[in-house]
Amino acid sequence: MDTTNLLSLVEHLEDNVDELEENLEPLLSAVLTTTTQKLPLLDKAKLYVLIVYSIESLLFCKTNFPSTIQALIAHSLSTTQRSQSERSPSL
């Protein structure tokens, strides 16, 4: 894996997270009961389901993402070291 590609993917992820924070700001700045009072019953239920799903997804990412990143970094480092050792002449 090319490290420049990994860096561009991380930058893209950071941009997406920033955009998500901006879009969620109106929802997160108000108290949830204030937001849901204005909604019809079906939309209120949909919102609660989406919130629960979002929390579950965040917990899943929190528990699984660090090991995935560590594996990607280890693979990238081993590939880089292998390519460097192939290029350098042995003494």
C-alpha atoms as a PDB file:
ATOM      1  CA  MET A   1       0.000   0.000   0.000  1.00  0.00           C
ATOM      2  CA  ASP A   2       1.310   3.382  -0.973  1.00  0.00           C
ATOM      3  CA  THR A   3       1.624   5.737   2.005  1.00  0.00           C
ATOM      4  CA  THR A   4       0.732   8.789  -0.094  1.00  0.00           C
ATOM      5  CA  ASN A   5      -2.532   7.072  -0.987  1.00  0.00           C
ATOM      6  CA  LEU A   6      -3.157   6.371   2.702  1.00  0.00           C
ATOM      7  CA  LEU A   7      -2.513  10.011   3.585  1.00  0.00           C
ATOM      8  CA  SER A   8      -4.940  11.227   0.940  1.00  0.00           C
ATOM      9  CA  LEU A   9      -7.576   8.807   2.239  1.00  0.00           C
ATOM     10  CA  VAL A  10      -7.094  10.101   5.793  1.00  0.00           C
ATOM     11  CA  GLU A  11      -7.409  13.696   4.569  1.00  0.00           C
ATOM     12  CA  HIS A  12     -10.578  12.759   2.680  1.00  0.00           C
ATOM     13  CA  LEU A  13     -11.962  11.124   5.830  1.00  0.00           C
ATOM     14  CA  GLU A  14     -11.155  14.252   7.836  1.00  0.00           C
ATOM     15  CA  ASP A  15     -12.989  16.432   5.307  1.00  0.00           C
ATOM     16  CA  ASN A  16     -16.015  14.129   5.442  1.00  0.00           C
ATOM     17  CA  VAL A  17     -16.083  14.192   9.245  1.00  0.00           C
ATOM     18  CA  ASP A  18     -15.907  17.997   9.244  1.00  0.00           C
ATOM     19  CA  GLU A  19     -18.792  18.161   6.776  1.00  0.00           C
ATOM     20  CA  LEU A  20     -20.806  15.714   8.872  1.00  0.00           C
ATOM     21  CA  GLU A  21     -20.243  17.800  12.004  1.00  0.00           C
ATOM     22  CA  GLU A  22     -21.480  20.900  10.187  1.00  0.00           C
ATOM     23  CA  ASN A  23     -24.597  19.105   8.957  1.00  0.00           C
ATOM     24  CA  LEU A  24     -25.400  17.614  12.360  1.00  0.00           C
ATOM     25  CA  GLU A  25     -24.871  20.849  14.290  1.00  0.00           C
ATOM     26  CA  PRO A  26     -28.543  21.947  14.200  1.00  0.00           C
ATOM     27  CA  LEU A  27     -29.641  18.557  15.479  1.00  0.00           C
ATOM     28  CA  LEU A  28     -26.960  18.300  18.158  1.00  0.00           C
ATOM     29  CA  SER A  29     -27.217  21.866  19.436  1.00  0.00           C
ATOM     30  CA  ALA A  30     -30.839  21.524  20.576  1.00  0.00           C
ATOM     31  CA  VAL A  31     -32.234  19.230  23.218  1.00  0.00           C
ATOM     32  CA  LEU A  32     -33.580  16.075  21.568  1.00  0.00           C
ATOM     33  CA  THR A  33     -37.035  16.406  23.102  1.00  0.00           C
ATOM     34  CA  THR A  34     -37.319  19.926  21.665  1.00  0.00           C
ATOM     35  CA  THR A  35     -36.478  18.613  18.210  1.00  0.00           C
ATOM     36  CA  THR A  36     -38.829  15.645  18.398  1.00  0.00           C
ATOM     37  CA  GLN A  37     -41.810  17.657  19.690  1.00  0.00           C
ATOM     38  CA  LYS A  38     -42.163  19.238  16.262  1.00  0.00           C
ATOM     39  CA  LEU A  39     -42.164  15.903  14.411  1.00  0.00           C
ATOM     40  CA  PRO A  40     -45.061  13.587  13.580  1.00  0.00           C
ATOM     41  CA  LEU A  41     -45.051  10.276  15.432  1.00  0.00           C
ATOM     42  CA  LEU A  42     -43.607   8.227  12.542  1.00  0.00           C
ATOM     43  CA  ASP A  43     -40.790  10.722  11.922  1.00  0.00           C
ATOM     44  CA  LYS A  44     -40.048  10.812  15.655  1.00  0.00           C
ATOM     45  CA  ALA A  45     -39.718   7.016  15.675  1.00  0.00           C
ATOM     46  CA  LYS A  46     -37.465   7.130  12.602  1.00  0.00           C
ATOM     47  CA  LEU A  47     -35.239   9.726  14.279  1.00  0.00           C
ATOM     48  CA  TYR A  48     -34.885   7.639  17.433  1.00  0.00           C
ATOM     49  CA  VAL A  49     -34.037   4.537  15.389  1.00  0.00           C
ATOM     50  CA  LEU A  50     -31.410   6.482  13.426  1.00  0.00           C
ATOM     51  CA  ILE A  51     -29.883   7.800  16.643  1.00  0.00           C
ATOM     52  CA  VAL A  52     -29.629   4.299  18.108  1.00  0.00           C
ATOM     53  CA  TYR A  53     -28.157   3.000  14.840  1.00  0.00           C
ATOM     54  CA  SER A  54     -25.620   5.842  14.794  1.00  0.00           C
ATOM     55  CA  ILE A  55     -24.520   5.155  18.351  1.00  0.00           C
ATOM     56  CA  GLU A  56     -24.173   1.434  17.593  1.00  0.00           C
ATOM     57  CA  SER A  57     -22.146   2.205  14.455  1.00  0.00           C
ATOM     58  CA  LEU A  58     -19.848   4.543  16.374  1.00  0.00           C
ATOM     59  CA  LEU A  59     -19.270   1.908  19.044  1.00  0.00           C
ATOM     60  CA  PHE A  60     -18.533  -0.690  16.360  1.00  0.00           C
ATOM     61  CA  CYS A  61     -16.023   1.641  14.687  1.00  0.00           C
ATOM     62  CA  LYS A  62     -14.449   2.498  18.030  1.00  0.00           C
ATOM     63  CA  THR A  63     -13.853  -1.161  18.857  1.00  0.00           C
ATOM     64  CA  ASN A  64     -12.795  -2.346  15.389  1.00  0.00           C
ATOM     65  CA  PHE A  65     -11.182   0.648  13.720  1.00  0.00           C
ATOM     66  CA  PRO A  66      -7.963   0.880  15.796  1.00  0.00           C
ATOM     67  CA  SER A  67      -6.966  -2.691  14.962  1.00  0.00           C
ATOM     68  CA  THR A  68      -7.706  -2.087  11.288  1.00  0.00           C
ATOM     69  CA  ILE A  69      -5.532   1.037  11.236  1.00  0.00           C
ATOM     70  CA  GLN A  70      -2.723  -0.784  13.030  1.00  0.00           C
ATOM     71  CA  ALA A  71      -2.890  -3.595  10.484  1.00  0.00           C
ATOM     72  CA  LEU A  72      -2.801  -1.127   7.575  1.00  0.00           C
ATOM     73  CA  ILE A  73       0.172   0.717   9.056  1.00  0.00           C
ATOM     74  CA  ALA A  74       2.044  -2.536   9.745  1.00  0.00           C
ATOM     75  CA  HIS A  75       1.384  -3.738   6.189  1.00  0.00           C
ATOM     76  CA  SER A  76       2.490  -0.401   4.763  1.00  0.00           C
ATOM     77  CA  LEU A  77       5.689  -0.388   6.820  1.00  0.00           C
ATOM     78  CA  SER A  78       6.579  -3.965   5.934  1.00  0.00           C
ATOM     79  CA  THR A  79       5.984  -3.264   2.241  1.00  0.00           C
ATOM     80  CA  THR A  80       8.144  -0.127   2.420  1.00  0.00           C
ATOM     81  CA  GLN A  81      10.934  -1.940   4.250  1.00  0.00           C
ATOM     82  CA  ARG A  82      10.789  -4.831   1.802  1.00  0.00           C
ATOM     83  CA  SER A  83      11.019  -2.517  -1.211  1.00  0.00           C
ATOM     84  CA  GLN A  84      13.893  -0.587   0.365  1.00  0.00           C
ATOM     85  CA  SER A  85      15.824  -3.784   1.106  1.00  0.00           C
ATOM     86  CA  GLU A  86      15.317  -4.950  -2.478  1.00  0.00           C
ATOM     87  CA  ARG A  87      16.726  -1.684  -3.800  1.00  0.00           C
ATOM     88  CA  SER A  88      19.770  -1.529  -1.551  1.00  0.00           C
ATOM     89  CA  PRO A  89      22.710  -3.747  -2.548  1.00  0.00           C
ATOM     90  CA  SER A  90      23.770  -6.326  -0.008  1.00  0.00           C
ATOM     91  CA  LEU A  91      27.316  -6.028   1.348  1.00  0.00           C
END
